[in-house]
Protein backbone atom coordinates (compact mmCIF):
# COMPACT_ATOMS: atom_id res chain seq x y z
CA MET A 1 0.00 0.00 0.00
CA ASP A 2 2.88 2.36 0.79
CA GLU A 3 4.25 1.86 -2.73
CA VAL A 4 0.83 2.49 -4.26
CA MET A 5 0.36 5.67 -2.26
CA GLU A 6 3.82 6.88 -3.19
CA LEU A 7 3.13 6.24 -6.89
CA LEU A 8 -0.23 7.99 -6.71
CA THR A 9 1.16 10.99 -4.90
CA ARG A 10 4.13 11.33 -7.21
CA GLY A 11 2.02 10.78 -10.32
CA LEU A 12 -0.52 13.42 -9.35
CA GLU A 13 2.34 15.82 -8.70
CA GLU A 14 3.84 15.10 -12.11
CA LEU A 15 0.47 15.82 -13.70
CA GLY A 16 0.35 19.15 -11.88
CA LEU A 17 -2.76 18.16 -9.96
CA SER A 18 -1.51 17.88 -6.39
CA GLY A 19 -2.25 21.51 -5.52
CA GLY A 20 -5.77 21.63 -6.91
CA ILE A 21 -7.38 18.49 -5.53
CA PRO A 22 -8.98 17.82 -2.12
CA SER A 23 -6.82 16.41 0.65
CA GLY A 24 -7.39 12.69 0.91
CA SER A 25 -7.92 12.22 -2.84
CA ALA A 26 -4.89 9.96 -3.21
CA GLU A 27 -6.14 7.85 -0.30
CA GLN A 28 -9.54 7.56 -1.98
CA LEU A 29 -7.92 6.47 -5.24
CA GLU A 30 -5.86 3.90 -3.33
CA THR A 31 -9.00 2.50 -1.70
CA TYR A 32 -10.80 2.43 -5.04
CA GLY A 33 -7.93 0.52 -6.64
CA ARG A 34 -7.76 -1.93 -3.77
CA LEU A 35 -11.51 -2.59 -3.91
CA LEU A 36 -11.22 -3.02 -7.68
CA LEU A 37 -8.62 -5.75 -7.38
CA GLU A 38 -10.54 -7.48 -4.59
CA LYS A 39 -13.75 -7.54 -6.64
CA ASN A 40 -11.86 -8.53 -9.78
CA LYS A 41 -11.21 -11.93 -8.19
CA VAL A 42 -14.90 -12.77 -8.57
CA MET A 43 -16.03 -10.38 -11.34
CA ASN A 44 -14.33 -9.44 -14.59
CA LEU A 45 -13.65 -5.73 -14.10
CA THR A 46 -10.13 -5.28 -15.45
CA ALA A 47 -7.40 -7.25 -17.20
CA ILE A 48 -4.85 -5.22 -15.22
CA THR A 49 -4.17 -6.98 -11.94
CA ASP A 50 -0.88 -5.57 -10.68
CA PRO A 51 -1.47 -2.75 -8.15
CA VAL A 52 1.29 -0.62 -9.70
CA ASP A 53 -0.23 -1.00 -13.16
CA VAL A 54 -3.67 -0.13 -11.77
CA VAL A 55 -2.20 3.14 -10.49
CA ASN A 56 -0.44 4.00 -13.73
CA LEU A 57 -2.70 2.59 -16.41
CA HIS A 58 -6.06 3.33 -14.78
CA MET A 59 -5.85 6.00 -12.09
CA LEU A 60 -3.18 8.32 -13.49
CA ASP A 61 -4.28 7.79 -17.09
CA CYS A 62 -7.77 9.00 -16.17
CA ALA A 63 -6.51 11.75 -13.88
CA ALA A 64 -4.55 13.26 -16.76
CA LEU A 65 -7.83 14.24 -18.41
CA LEU A 66 -8.21 17.05 -15.87
CA ARG A 67 -5.08 18.69 -17.31
CA MET A 68 -6.44 18.86 -20.85
CA PRO A 69 -5.75 22.36 -22.25
CA GLY A 70 -8.83 24.50 -22.72
CA MET A 71 -11.16 22.17 -20.81
CA GLU A 72 -12.93 23.25 -17.62
CA PHE A 73 -14.36 20.49 -15.43
CA GLN A 74 -15.34 22.39 -12.30
CA GLY A 75 -19.08 22.34 -11.70
CA LYS A 76 -19.85 20.59 -14.99
CA ARG A 77 -22.38 17.86 -15.66
CA LEU A 78 -20.52 14.79 -16.95
CA LEU A 79 -21.70 11.48 -18.40
CA ASP A 80 -19.29 8.54 -18.64
CA VAL A 81 -20.55 6.19 -21.37
CA GLY A 82 -19.60 2.53 -21.01
CA THR A 83 -18.00 3.26 -17.67
CA GLY A 84 -17.10 -0.37 -16.94
CA ALA A 85 -15.14 -0.34 -13.69
CA GLY A 86 -15.66 3.43 -13.42
CA PHE A 87 -13.00 4.82 -15.73
CA PRO A 88 -12.64 7.71 -16.17
CA GLY A 89 -15.79 8.93 -14.35
CA MET A 90 -14.93 7.75 -10.84
CA VAL A 91 -11.39 9.10 -10.94
CA LEU A 92 -12.57 12.46 -12.24
CA LYS A 93 -15.19 12.70 -9.48
CA ILE A 94 -12.70 11.87 -6.74
CA LEU A 95 -10.26 14.50 -7.96
CA GLN A 96 -12.85 17.13 -8.92
CA PRO A 97 -15.75 16.75 -6.44
CA SER A 98 -17.73 19.65 -7.95
CA LEU A 99 -18.44 17.50 -11.03
CA ASP A 100 -21.94 16.07 -11.31
CA VAL A 101 -21.25 12.59 -12.65
CA THR A 102 -23.43 9.88 -14.18
CA LEU A 103 -21.83 6.48 -14.80
CA LEU A 104 -23.67 4.67 -17.60
CA ASP A 105 -23.18 1.00 -18.39
CA SER A 106 -25.22 -1.86 -19.82
CA LEU A 107 -24.03 -4.38 -17.20
CA ASN A 108 -25.88 -3.91 -13.94
CA LYS A 109 -23.58 -5.92 -11.69
CA ARG A 110 -20.71 -3.56 -12.49
CA LEU A 111 -22.90 -0.63 -11.51
CA ASP A 112 -23.99 -2.30 -8.29
CA TRP A 113 -20.32 -2.61 -7.34
CA LEU A 114 -19.61 1.01 -8.33
CA ALA A 115 -22.52 2.16 -6.17
CA GLU A 116 -20.98 0.28 -3.24
CA VAL A 117 -17.62 1.98 -3.87
CA CYS A 118 -19.27 5.40 -4.04
CA ALA A 119 -20.93 4.74 -0.70
CA ARG A 120 -17.66 3.49 0.79
CA LEU A 121 -15.86 6.64 -0.36
CA GLU A 122 -18.81 8.85 0.69
CA LEU A 123 -19.01 10.44 -2.76
CA GLU A 124 -21.95 12.75 -3.41
CA GLY A 125 -23.19 14.06 -6.74
CA ILE A 126 -22.50 10.80 -8.55
CA ARG A 127 -24.96 8.14 -9.71
CA THR A 128 -25.04 4.93 -11.72
CA LEU A 129 -27.37 4.31 -14.65
CA HIS A 130 -28.14 0.88 -16.05
CA ALA A 131 -28.99 1.49 -19.70
CA ARG A 132 -27.90 1.11 -23.28
CA ALA A 133 -26.48 4.40 -24.53
CA GLU A 134 -28.25 4.22 -27.90
CA GLU A 135 -31.61 4.00 -26.09
CA GLN A 136 -30.95 6.40 -23.22
CA ALA A 137 -29.81 9.17 -25.58
CA HIS A 138 -33.38 9.59 -26.83
CA LYS A 139 -34.78 10.31 -23.37
CA PRO A 140 -35.56 13.83 -22.06
CA GLY A 141 -32.99 15.10 -19.60
CA PHE A 142 -30.30 13.03 -21.26
CA ARG A 143 -30.43 14.09 -24.88
CA ASP A 144 -28.42 17.33 -25.26
CA GLY A 145 -28.15 17.26 -21.45
CA PHE A 146 -24.45 17.10 -20.54
CA ASP A 147 -21.55 19.54 -20.60
CA ILE A 148 -19.01 16.76 -21.03
CA VAL A 149 -19.35 13.17 -22.21
CA THR A 150 -16.41 10.79 -21.78
CA SER A 151 -15.68 7.31 -23.04
CA ARG A 152 -12.63 5.10 -22.60
CA ALA A 153 -11.87 1.77 -24.26
CA VAL A 154 -15.44 1.17 -25.40
CA ALA A 155 -15.59 1.08 -29.22
CA PRO A 156 -14.03 2.54 -32.38
CA LEU A 157 -14.54 6.29 -32.67
CA GLU A 158 -16.82 6.04 -35.72
CA LEU A 159 -19.26 4.06 -33.56
CA LEU A 160 -18.69 5.96 -30.33
CA CYS A 161 -19.62 9.31 -31.88
CA GLU A 162 -23.14 8.15 -32.62
CA LEU A 163 -23.51 6.76 -29.10
CA CYS A 164 -22.09 9.79 -27.31
CA LEU A 165 -22.63 13.03 -29.24
CA PRO A 166 -26.44 13.00 -28.84
CA PHE A 167 -25.92 13.33 -25.06
CA VAL A 168 -23.79 16.48 -25.40
CA ARG A 169 -25.40 19.89 -25.14
CA THR A 170 -24.62 22.46 -27.78
CA GLY A 171 -21.33 24.06 -26.74
CA GLY A 172 -20.32 20.98 -24.78
CA ALA A 173 -17.64 18.40 -25.51
CA PHE A 174 -17.25 14.70 -26.19
CA LEU A 175 -13.84 13.49 -24.98
CA ALA A 176 -12.80 10.07 -26.27
CA MET A 177 -9.75 8.56 -24.59
CA LYS A 178 -7.72 6.79 -27.27
CA SER A 179 -4.23 5.63 -28.24
CA VAL A 180 -1.99 7.97 -30.20
CA ASP A 181 -2.36 5.80 -33.31
CA CYS A 182 -6.06 6.56 -33.72
CA ASP A 183 -5.73 8.71 -36.86
CA GLY A 184 -7.58 6.08 -38.89
CA GLU A 185 -10.49 6.10 -36.46
CA ILE A 186 -10.63 9.89 -36.60
CA SER A 187 -10.72 9.83 -40.40
CA ARG A 188 -13.48 7.24 -40.46
CA ALA A 189 -15.50 9.23 -37.93
CA ALA A 190 -15.26 12.56 -39.77
CA ARG A 191 -18.56 12.33 -41.65
CA GLY A 192 -20.45 11.09 -38.60
CA ILE A 193 -19.09 13.91 -36.44
CA GLN A 194 -20.39 16.47 -38.92
CA THR A 195 -23.75 14.70 -39.31
CA LEU A 196 -24.29 14.66 -35.55
CA GLY A 197 -23.61 18.37 -35.05
CA GLY A 198 -20.00 18.08 -33.94
CA VAL A 199 -16.68 19.53 -35.02
CA LEU A 200 -13.27 18.02 -34.40
CA ARG A 201 -11.02 20.19 -32.23
CA PRO A 202 -7.27 19.70 -31.75
CA GLY A 203 -6.58 16.50 -29.85
CA TRP A 204 -4.28 16.30 -26.86
CA ASN A 205 -1.45 13.80 -26.43
CA TYR A 206 -0.25 13.17 -22.90
CA ALA A 207 2.32 10.95 -21.22
CA ILE A 208 1.20 8.75 -18.33
CA PRO A 209 3.48 9.34 -15.32
CA GLY A 210 5.68 6.40 -14.45
CA THR A 211 5.42 4.86 -17.92
CA GLN A 212 6.67 5.27 -21.47
CA ILE A 213 3.07 5.35 -22.72
CA THR A 214 1.46 8.28 -24.50
CA HIS A 215 -2.29 8.46 -25.02
CA ARG A 216 -4.56 10.88 -26.83
CA VAL A 217 -7.81 12.60 -26.00
CA VAL A 218 -9.95 13.15 -29.08
CA HIS A 219 -11.91 16.39 -28.54
CA ILE A 220 -15.19 16.86 -30.38
CA GLU A 221 -17.20 19.99 -29.71
CA LYS A 222 -20.97 19.96 -30.22
CA ILE A 223 -21.84 23.06 -32.25
CA ALA A 224 -25.42 22.23 -33.24
CA PRO A 225 -28.21 19.85 -32.16
CA GLY A 226 -27.99 16.50 -33.91
CA PRO A 227 -30.75 15.24 -36.21
CA LYS A 228 -33.60 13.17 -34.83
CA GLY A 229 -33.35 9.45 -35.24
CA PHE A 230 -29.80 9.18 -33.90
CA PRO A 231 -28.44 7.16 -32.27
CA ARG A 232 -29.81 4.21 -34.22
CA ARG A 233 -29.98 0.67 -32.90
CA TRP A 234 -26.59 -0.79 -32.01
CA ALA A 235 -26.74 -3.44 -34.72
CA LYS A 236 -27.38 -0.72 -37.32
CA ILE A 237 -24.58 1.46 -35.98
CA GLN A 238 -22.15 -1.45 -36.28
CA LYS A 239 -23.35 -2.54 -39.71
CA ALA A 240 -23.46 0.91 -41.30
CA PRO A 241 -21.37 3.53 -39.44
CA LEU A 242 -22.10 7.11 -40.44
């Protein structure tokens, strides 16, 4: 645990976050990671099982999002689509408590566990939602309802855009966490982004502290409401991407 805490503390410092986060945030992240690995013994939550790798490849990777140039997270309404084990939504909430966070996933048992973790960490202003994104995006209060929508390791960008952009309010942002070799995905998504009322903004490459890994955040701004009828059914999205 001492090694994990040291890595978390040093990593947050390297990201330039240590001065702007609540005291106890590193401890909360450590508890979250420990609970993740405990639950992972009986439920498939992550393929990463080394505590050091959980810190670097999950916690610090997600934390880096808060340093994205030109993005303001404080007080925003955020939806994490396909949250899985809570990445990046849980990490963002722990480090920026003013965020109003909804964790959306289609697998209820993951969400039940996340709700338990939220209660254990005494997090407020965060909720879980058991739903399919392509269905939930048509519902009032969700369509065009979020300042920021995030997604990490869910699907190719050309599919993700149709799932996520309908949730974003005009003037808001969809942030897709990707590898740096995602240029092909971006090219394939270009027509769909335009169709759904978005515009591609400069992406942001960042190095994960403690590793030699560089990742990219694809930044899509919503500049106009998307057309009715989107998202389509998942099978249609997969068969005929925009």
